[in-house]
Amino acid sequence: MLDEVVRRDPKDADAWLWLAGARAEPNAKRDAFDRVLALRPADPEATAGLERLAQKYGAGVLEDVAVDELEMMHCTWHSSRETLLRCNRCGRPMCPDCARQHPVGLRCKACMKETRSPLYKVDGRGWVGATLFGGLVGVAAAVLLILLASIMSGFLELIVGFLIGGVFGNGVAEAVSRGSGRKKGRGLQWVAAGSLVGGVLLAFFGLWVAGVRVGPPVFGIIGYLVAGLRAATSRLK
């Protein structure tokens, strides 16, 4: 329908703009946006549309080059996908799914990982410190939970677990962060999760060795782990 509209009235800028949104082929989108700008220079929607095309497919999509003159490549990570994009750092071919937006252009996911913020880079000493600090706080929190929840039951036990988990989940995350040198990231989220779960197991073992016999407060532990894991992983993102 839009094709018919622009065929009848080639000067309808709105129809060309809608047609750009309906097209799937990047070059067809570019041509439609160009027609809008020819009719309405500096149109903000057409200008933004061309910028989005360049970000997603590379600046080459804005150039008027014949398809048979383009160097068709295959993505480094998805060999079955043809692409015209190259990483502007290492030059490797990449499909749009493997491209990452960077302040200086499009980069592949490998280069983005290498150039990520030092905040997310943890060395061996940091992993040891994070595990040690997180584990100590995790065990202390679990001991407190078990002793308090074991004298309660049902709903009250669950509420106590949630409260302790929320507080000490943040405490474990803080301990992991301090132990790693004030770092964050997915790996440290796993360390925090291990500290919370492992802390419960070690707390039961320690109490058993010390001769303290308490039944496992199942509801309290469930509430503690749900709230604690959520708080810890959120803080270490």
C-alpha atoms as a PDB file:
ATOM      1  CA  MET A   1       0.000   0.000   0.000  1.00  0.00           C
ATOM      2  CA  LEU A   2       2.826   2.415   0.829  1.00  0.00           C
ATOM      3  CA  ASP A   3       4.569   1.533  -2.433  1.00  0.00           C
ATOM      4  CA  GLU A   4       1.390   2.519  -4.259  1.00  0.00           C
ATOM      5  CA  VAL A   5       1.152   5.787  -2.308  1.00  0.00           C
ATOM      6  CA  VAL A   6       4.692   6.898  -3.195  1.00  0.00           C
ATOM      7  CA  ARG A   7       4.207   5.760  -6.798  1.00  0.00           C
ATOM      8  CA  ARG A   8       1.185   8.040  -7.090  1.00  0.00           C
ATOM      9  CA  ASP A   9       2.736  10.897  -5.120  1.00  0.00           C
ATOM     10  CA  PRO A  10       6.580  10.722  -5.003  1.00  0.00           C
ATOM     11  CA  LYS A  11       6.645  13.984  -3.006  1.00  0.00           C
ATOM     12  CA  ASP A  12       4.772  12.553   0.014  1.00  0.00           C
ATOM     13  CA  ALA A  13       7.547  12.691   2.642  1.00  0.00           C
ATOM     14  CA  ASP A  14       5.430  11.049   5.344  1.00  0.00           C
ATOM     15  CA  ALA A  15       4.729   8.058   3.112  1.00  0.00           C
ATOM     16  CA  TRP A  16       8.452   7.645   2.400  1.00  0.00           C
ATOM     17  CA  LEU A  17       9.127   7.795   6.143  1.00  0.00           C
ATOM     18  CA  TRP A  18       6.531   5.104   6.878  1.00  0.00           C
ATOM     19  CA  LEU A  19       7.907   3.044   4.011  1.00  0.00           C
ATOM     20  CA  ALA A  20      11.393   3.192   5.564  1.00  0.00           C
ATOM     21  CA  GLY A  21       9.959   1.696   8.734  1.00  0.00           C
ATOM     22  CA  ALA A  22       8.213  -1.076   6.795  1.00  0.00           C
ATOM     23  CA  ARG A  23      11.229  -2.103   4.714  1.00  0.00           C
ATOM     24  CA  ALA A  24      13.425  -4.983   5.950  1.00  0.00           C
ATOM     25  CA  GLU A  25      16.416  -4.539   3.613  1.00  0.00           C
ATOM     26  CA  PRO A  26      18.953  -1.979   5.009  1.00  0.00           C
ATOM     27  CA  ASN A  27      19.661  -0.417   1.595  1.00  0.00           C
ATOM     28  CA  ALA A  28      15.923  -0.044   0.932  1.00  0.00           C
ATOM     29  CA  LYS A  29      15.511   1.666   4.291  1.00  0.00           C
ATOM     30  CA  ARG A  30      18.412   3.986   3.460  1.00  0.00           C
ATOM     31  CA  ASP A  31      16.893   4.906   0.088  1.00  0.00           C
ATOM     32  CA  ALA A  32      13.548   5.731   1.704  1.00  0.00           C
ATOM     33  CA  PHE A  33      15.189   7.886   4.379  1.00  0.00           C
ATOM     34  CA  ASP A  34      17.188   9.669   1.662  1.00  0.00           C
ATOM     35  CA  ARG A  35      13.947  10.489  -0.183  1.00  0.00           C
ATOM     36  CA  VAL A  36      12.526  11.973   3.019  1.00  0.00           C
ATOM     37  CA  LEU A  37      15.595  14.175   3.481  1.00  0.00           C
ATOM     38  CA  ALA A  38      15.447  15.261  -0.147  1.00  0.00           C
ATOM     39  CA  LEU A  39      11.883  16.460   0.437  1.00  0.00           C
ATOM     40  CA  ARG A  40      12.339  17.653   4.037  1.00  0.00           C
ATOM     41  CA  PRO A  41      16.021  18.483   4.678  1.00  0.00           C
ATOM     42  CA  ALA A  42      17.207  17.806   8.257  1.00  0.00           C
ATOM     43  CA  ASP A  43      14.074  15.793   9.082  1.00  0.00           C
ATOM     44  CA  PRO A  44      14.848  14.509  12.628  1.00  0.00           C
ATOM     45  CA  GLU A  45      13.214  11.083  12.208  1.00  0.00           C
ATOM     46  CA  ALA A  46      14.942  10.350   8.901  1.00  0.00           C
ATOM     47  CA  THR A  47      18.283  11.559  10.270  1.00  0.00           C
ATOM     48  CA  ALA A  48      17.908   9.369  13.369  1.00  0.00           C
ATOM     49  CA  GLY A  49      16.909   6.429  11.171  1.00  0.00           C
ATOM     50  CA  LEU A  50      20.098   6.723   9.090  1.00  0.00           C
ATOM     51  CA  GLU A  51      22.173   6.923  12.280  1.00  0.00           C
ATOM     52  CA  ARG A  52      20.555   3.723  13.589  1.00  0.00           C
ATOM     53  CA  LEU A  53      21.287   1.977  10.291  1.00  0.00           C
ATOM     54  CA  ALA A  54      24.955   2.987  10.497  1.00  0.00           C
ATOM     55  CA  GLN A  55      25.190   1.770  14.100  1.00  0.00           C
ATOM     56  CA  LYS A  56      23.614  -1.591  13.327  1.00  0.00           C
ATOM     57  CA  TYR A  57      25.071  -2.376   9.902  1.00  0.00           C
ATOM     58  CA  GLY A  58      28.129  -0.118   9.657  1.00  0.00           C
ATOM     59  CA  ALA A  59      28.706   3.140   7.802  1.00  0.00           C
ATOM     60  CA  GLY A  60      29.023   1.212   4.523  1.00  0.00           C
ATOM     61  CA  VAL A  61      25.258   0.790   4.355  1.00  0.00           C
ATOM     62  CA  LEU A  62      24.979   4.574   3.796  1.00  0.00           C
ATOM     63  CA  GLU A  63      27.291   4.490   0.768  1.00  0.00           C
ATOM     64  CA  ASP A  64      25.834   4.126  -2.719  1.00  0.00           C
ATOM     65  CA  VAL A  65      27.783   1.023  -3.756  1.00  0.00           C
ATOM     66  CA  ALA A  66      26.508  -1.756  -5.986  1.00  0.00           C
ATOM     67  CA  VAL A  67      25.856  -5.019  -4.180  1.00  0.00           C
ATOM     68  CA  ASP A  68      28.171  -6.993  -6.474  1.00  0.00           C
ATOM     69  CA  GLU A  69      31.026  -4.594  -5.638  1.00  0.00           C
ATOM     70  CA  LEU A  70      30.805  -5.243  -1.901  1.00  0.00           C
ATOM     71  CA  GLU A  71      33.119  -7.720  -0.208  1.00  0.00           C
ATOM     72  CA  MET A  72      30.784 -10.274   1.333  1.00  0.00           C
ATOM     73  CA  MET A  73      32.323 -11.990   4.378  1.00  0.00           C
ATOM     74  CA  HIS A  74      31.240 -14.550   6.957  1.00  0.00           C
ATOM     75  CA  CYS A  75      30.935 -13.829  10.662  1.00  0.00           C
ATOM     76  CA  THR A  76      33.872 -15.047  12.760  1.00  0.00           C
ATOM     77  CA  TRP A  77      31.521 -16.626  15.314  1.00  0.00           C
ATOM     78  CA  HIS A  78      28.635 -17.627  13.019  1.00  0.00           C
ATOM     79  CA  SER A  79      30.227 -19.008   9.874  1.00  0.00           C
ATOM     80  CA  SER A  80      26.877 -19.458   8.111  1.00  0.00           C
ATOM     81  CA  ARG A  81      26.016 -15.742   8.332  1.00  0.00           C
ATOM     82  CA  GLU A  82      27.133 -13.343   5.611  1.00  0.00           C
ATOM     83  CA  THR A  83      28.090  -9.854   6.709  1.00  0.00           C
ATOM     84  CA  LEU A  84      29.628  -6.594   5.557  1.00  0.00           C
ATOM     85  CA  LEU A  85      30.711  -5.533   9.057  1.00  0.00           C
ATOM     86  CA  ARG A  86      34.246  -5.588  10.428  1.00  0.00           C
ATOM     87  CA  CYS A  87      35.390  -4.799  13.967  1.00  0.00           C
ATOM     88  CA  ASN A  88      37.044  -1.382  13.923  1.00  0.00           C
ATOM     89  CA  ARG A  89      39.696  -2.631  16.385  1.00  0.00           C
ATOM     90  CA  CYS A  90      40.799  -6.087  15.183  1.00  0.00           C
ATOM     91  CA  GLY A  91      39.204  -6.151  11.726  1.00  0.00           C
ATOM     92  CA  ARG A  92      37.418  -9.491  12.201  1.00  0.00           C
ATOM     93  CA  PRO A  93      34.149  -9.952  10.265  1.00  0.00           C
ATOM     94  CA  MET A  94      31.085  -9.943  12.513  1.00  0.00           C
ATOM     95  CA  CYS A  95      27.335 -10.202  12.109  1.00  0.00           C
ATOM     96  CA  PRO A  96      24.994  -7.650  13.757  1.00  0.00           C
ATOM     97  CA  ASP A  97      24.397 -10.045  16.703  1.00  0.00           C
ATOM     98  CA  CYS A  98      28.139 -10.113  17.473  1.00  0.00           C
ATOM     99  CA  ALA A  99      28.656  -6.365  17.014  1.00  0.00           C
ATOM    100  CA  ARG A 100      28.815  -4.117  20.065  1.00  0.00           C
ATOM    101  CA  GLN A 101      28.359  -0.362  20.137  1.00  0.00           C
ATOM    102  CA  HIS A 102      31.503   1.483  21.262  1.00  0.00           C
ATOM    103  CA  PRO A 103      32.169   5.248  21.540  1.00  0.00           C
ATOM    104  CA  VAL A 104      34.504   5.024  18.523  1.00  0.00           C
ATOM    105  CA  GLY A 105      32.332   2.698  16.405  1.00  0.00           C
ATOM    106  CA  LEU A 106      31.280  -0.939  16.203  1.00  0.00           C
ATOM    107  CA  ARG A 107      33.493  -3.576  17.820  1.00  0.00           C
ATOM    108  CA  CYS A 108      33.268  -7.346  18.061  1.00  0.00           C
ATOM    109  CA  LYS A 109      32.306  -9.005  21.325  1.00  0.00           C
ATOM    110  CA  ALA A 110      35.861 -10.313  21.857  1.00  0.00           C
ATOM    111  CA  CYS A 111      37.412  -6.844  21.697  1.00  0.00           C
ATOM    112  CA  MET A 112      34.696  -5.430  23.936  1.00  0.00           C
ATOM    113  CA  LYS A 113      35.506  -8.106  26.507  1.00  0.00           C
ATOM    114  CA  GLU A 114      39.230  -7.279  26.341  1.00  0.00           C
ATOM    115  CA  THR A 115      38.628  -3.548  26.738  1.00  0.00           C
ATOM    116  CA  ARG A 116      36.011  -3.761  29.468  1.00  0.00           C
ATOM    117  CA  SER A 117      36.332  -1.625  32.563  1.00  0.00           C
ATOM    118  CA  PRO A 118      39.042  -2.563  35.120  1.00  0.00           C
ATOM    119  CA  LEU A 119      36.178  -2.734  37.603  1.00  0.00           C
ATOM    120  CA  TYR A 120      35.345  -6.184  36.172  1.00  0.00           C
ATOM    121  CA  LYS A 121      38.893  -7.556  35.944  1.00  0.00           C
ATOM    122  CA  VAL A 122      39.815  -9.741  38.919  1.00  0.00           C
ATOM    123  CA  ASP A 123      43.296 -11.224  39.414  1.00  0.00           C
ATOM    124  CA  GLY A 124      44.211 -14.408  41.297  1.00  0.00           C
ATOM    125  CA  ARG A 125      44.731 -12.609  44.592  1.00  0.00           C
ATOM    126  CA  GLY A 126      41.323 -10.983  44.194  1.00  0.00           C
ATOM    127  CA  TRP A 127      39.583 -14.328  43.695  1.00  0.00           C
ATOM    128  CA  VAL A 128      41.205 -15.732  46.839  1.00  0.00           C
ATOM    129  CA  GLY A 129      40.300 -12.667  48.891  1.00  0.00           C
ATOM    130  CA  ALA A 130      36.735 -12.624  47.605  1.00  0.00           C
ATOM    131  CA  THR A 131      36.231 -16.307  48.426  1.00  0.00           C
ATOM    132  CA  LEU A 132      37.751 -15.998  51.898  1.00  0.00           C
ATOM    133  CA  PHE A 133      35.940 -12.816  52.952  1.00  0.00           C
ATOM    134  CA  GLY A 134      32.629 -13.889  51.425  1.00  0.00           C
ATOM    135  CA  GLY A 135      32.857 -17.342  52.993  1.00  0.00           C
ATOM    136  CA  LEU A 136      33.484 -15.978  56.492  1.00  0.00           C
ATOM    137  CA  VAL A 137      30.501 -13.629  56.359  1.00  0.00           C
ATOM    138  CA  GLY A 138      28.361 -16.360  54.784  1.00  0.00           C
ATOM    139  CA  VAL A 139      29.101 -18.805  57.616  1.00  0.00           C
ATOM    140  CA  ALA A 140      28.495 -16.178  60.322  1.00  0.00           C
ATOM    141  CA  ALA A 141      25.152 -15.207  58.757  1.00  0.00           C
ATOM    142  CA  ALA A 142      24.062 -18.833  58.430  1.00  0.00           C
ATOM    143  CA  VAL A 143      24.881 -19.605  62.074  1.00  0.00           C
ATOM    144  CA  LEU A 144      22.762 -16.648  63.187  1.00  0.00           C
ATOM    145  CA  LEU A 145      19.935 -17.737  60.907  1.00  0.00           C
ATOM    146  CA  ILE A 146      19.944 -21.338  62.134  1.00  0.00           C
ATOM    147  CA  LEU A 147      19.992 -20.403  65.821  1.00  0.00           C
ATOM    148  CA  LEU A 148      17.154 -17.869  65.459  1.00  0.00           C
ATOM    149  CA  ALA A 149      14.962 -19.812  63.039  1.00  0.00           C
ATOM    150  CA  SER A 150      15.281 -23.061  64.969  1.00  0.00           C
ATOM    151  CA  ILE A 151      13.246 -21.597  67.856  1.00  0.00           C
ATOM    152  CA  MET A 152      10.485 -20.451  65.509  1.00  0.00           C
ATOM    153  CA  SER A 153       8.222 -22.167  63.041  1.00  0.00           C
ATOM    154  CA  GLY A 154       6.202 -21.690  59.889  1.00  0.00           C
ATOM    155  CA  PHE A 155       5.522 -18.182  58.664  1.00  0.00           C
ATOM    156  CA  LEU A 156       7.612 -16.426  61.325  1.00  0.00           C
ATOM    157  CA  GLU A 157      10.601 -18.601  60.447  1.00  0.00           C
ATOM    158  CA  LEU A 158      10.226 -17.652  56.781  1.00  0.00           C
ATOM    159  CA  ILE A 159      10.030 -13.929  57.591  1.00  0.00           C
ATOM    160  CA  VAL A 160      13.159 -14.124  59.753  1.00  0.00           C
ATOM    161  CA  GLY A 161      14.947 -15.901  56.903  1.00  0.00           C
ATOM    162  CA  PHE A 162      13.991 -13.168  54.447  1.00  0.00           C
ATOM    163  CA  LEU A 163      15.111 -10.404  56.803  1.00  0.00           C
ATOM    164  CA  ILE A 164      18.467 -11.990  57.609  1.00  0.00           C
ATOM    165  CA  GLY A 165      18.990 -12.933  53.962  1.00  0.00           C
ATOM    166  CA  GLY A 166      18.391  -9.388  52.722  1.00  0.00           C
ATOM    167  CA  VAL A 167      20.782  -7.871  55.250  1.00  0.00           C
ATOM    168  CA  PHE A 168      23.534 -10.467  55.035  1.00  0.00           C
ATOM    169  CA  GLY A 169      23.187 -10.876  51.264  1.00  0.00           C
ATOM    170  CA  ASN A 170      24.392  -7.294  50.997  1.00  0.00           C
ATOM    171  CA  GLY A 171      27.003  -8.069  53.647  1.00  0.00           C
ATOM    172  CA  VAL A 172      28.373 -11.019  51.692  1.00  0.00           C
ATOM    173  CA  ALA A 173      28.457  -8.911  48.509  1.00  0.00           C
ATOM    174  CA  GLU A 174      30.355  -6.181  50.332  1.00  0.00           C
ATOM    175  CA  ALA A 175      32.823  -8.723  51.727  1.00  0.00           C
ATOM    176  CA  VAL A 176      33.355 -10.268  48.282  1.00  0.00           C
ATOM    177  CA  SER A 177      33.857  -6.827  46.753  1.00  0.00           C
ATOM    178  CA  ARG A 178      36.369  -5.776  49.428  1.00  0.00           C
ATOM    179  CA  GLY A 179      38.237  -9.057  49.197  1.00  0.00           C
ATOM    180  CA  SER A 180      38.600  -8.730  45.426  1.00  0.00           C
ATOM    181  CA  GLY A 181      39.810  -5.132  45.566  1.00  0.00           C
ATOM    182  CA  ARG A 182      36.451  -3.420  45.037  1.00  0.00           C
ATOM    183  CA  LYS A 183      35.544  -5.364  41.896  1.00  0.00           C
ATOM    184  CA  LYS A 184      32.227  -6.496  40.410  1.00  0.00           C
ATOM    185  CA  GLY A 185      31.019  -8.889  37.731  1.00  0.00           C
ATOM    186  CA  ARG A 186      29.404 -12.229  36.979  1.00  0.00           C
ATOM    187  CA  GLY A 187      32.261 -14.265  38.433  1.00  0.00           C
ATOM    188  CA  LEU A 188      32.020 -12.507  41.773  1.00  0.00           C
ATOM    189  CA  GLN A 189      28.251 -13.001  41.750  1.00  0.00           C
ATOM    190  CA  TRP A 190      28.932 -16.750  41.663  1.00  0.00           C
ATOM    191  CA  VAL A 191      31.423 -16.379  44.526  1.00  0.00           C
ATOM    192  CA  ALA A 192      28.789 -14.577  46.600  1.00  0.00           C
ATOM    193  CA  ALA A 193      26.180 -17.222  45.776  1.00  0.00           C
ATOM    194  CA  GLY A 194      28.612 -19.962  46.764  1.00  0.00           C
ATOM    195  CA  SER A 195      29.396 -18.143  49.999  1.00  0.00           C
ATOM    196  CA  LEU A 196      25.712 -18.031  50.953  1.00  0.00           C
ATOM    197  CA  VAL A 197      24.910 -21.647  50.057  1.00  0.00           C
ATOM    198  CA  GLY A 198      28.229 -23.013  51.314  1.00  0.00           C
ATOM    199  CA  GLY A 199      27.879 -20.946  54.482  1.00  0.00           C
ATOM    200  CA  VAL A 200      24.665 -22.767  55.374  1.00  0.00           C
ATOM    201  CA  LEU A 201      26.313 -26.167  54.919  1.00  0.00           C
ATOM    202  CA  LEU A 202      29.441 -25.183  56.871  1.00  0.00           C
ATOM    203  CA  ALA A 203      27.331 -23.640  59.638  1.00  0.00           C
ATOM    204  CA  PHE A 204      25.420 -26.890  60.157  1.00  0.00           C
ATOM    205  CA  PHE A 205      28.681 -28.836  60.175  1.00  0.00           C
ATOM    206  CA  GLY A 206      30.291 -26.431  62.653  1.00  0.00           C
ATOM    207  CA  LEU A 207      27.327 -26.549  65.007  1.00  0.00           C
ATOM    208  CA  TRP A 208      27.294 -30.341  64.831  1.00  0.00           C
ATOM    209  CA  VAL A 209      31.033 -30.498  65.664  1.00  0.00           C
ATOM    210  CA  ALA A 210      30.424 -28.091  68.562  1.00  0.00           C
ATOM    211  CA  GLY A 211      27.702 -30.380  69.896  1.00  0.00           C
ATOM    212  CA  VAL A 212      24.832 -27.999  69.175  1.00  0.00           C
ATOM    213  CA  ARG A 213      21.945 -30.098  67.886  1.00  0.00           C
ATOM    214  CA  VAL A 214      19.305 -28.098  66.019  1.00  0.00           C
ATOM    215  CA  GLY A 215      16.792 -29.222  63.452  1.00  0.00           C
ATOM    216  CA  PRO A 216      17.125 -27.699  59.977  1.00  0.00           C
ATOM    217  CA  PRO A 217      14.790 -24.661  59.740  1.00  0.00           C
ATOM    218  CA  VAL A 218      13.717 -25.401  56.163  1.00  0.00           C
ATOM    219  CA  PHE A 219      11.456 -22.382  55.681  1.00  0.00           C
ATOM    220  CA  GLY A 220      14.001 -20.054  57.230  1.00  0.00           C
ATOM    221  CA  ILE A 221      16.757 -21.342  54.962  1.00  0.00           C
ATOM    222  CA  ILE A 222      14.565 -20.962  51.877  1.00  0.00           C
ATOM    223  CA  GLY A 223      13.722 -17.366  52.754  1.00  0.00           C
ATOM    224  CA  TYR A 224      17.350 -16.633  53.617  1.00  0.00           C
ATOM    225  CA  LEU A 225      18.737 -17.971  50.336  1.00  0.00           C
ATOM    226  CA  VAL A 226      16.090 -16.349  48.142  1.00  0.00           C
ATOM    227  CA  ALA A 227      16.559 -12.901  49.685  1.00  0.00           C
ATOM    228  CA  GLY A 228      20.313 -13.263  50.141  1.00  0.00           C
ATOM    229  CA  LEU A 229      21.063 -14.429  46.594  1.00  0.00           C
ATOM    230  CA  ARG A 230      18.955 -11.645  45.128  1.00  0.00           C
ATOM    231  CA  ALA A 231      20.594  -8.941  47.245  1.00  0.00           C
ATOM    232  CA  ALA A 232      24.145 -10.194  46.693  1.00  0.00           C
ATOM    233  CA  THR A 233      23.946 -10.671  42.930  1.00  0.00           C
ATOM    234  CA  SER A 234      22.223  -7.311  42.421  1.00  0.00           C
ATOM    235  CA  ARG A 235      24.943  -5.471  44.287  1.00  0.00           C
ATOM    236  CA  LEU A 236      27.767  -7.111  42.325  1.00  0.00           C
ATOM    237  CA  LYS A 237      26.377  -6.428  38.821  1.00  0.00           C
END
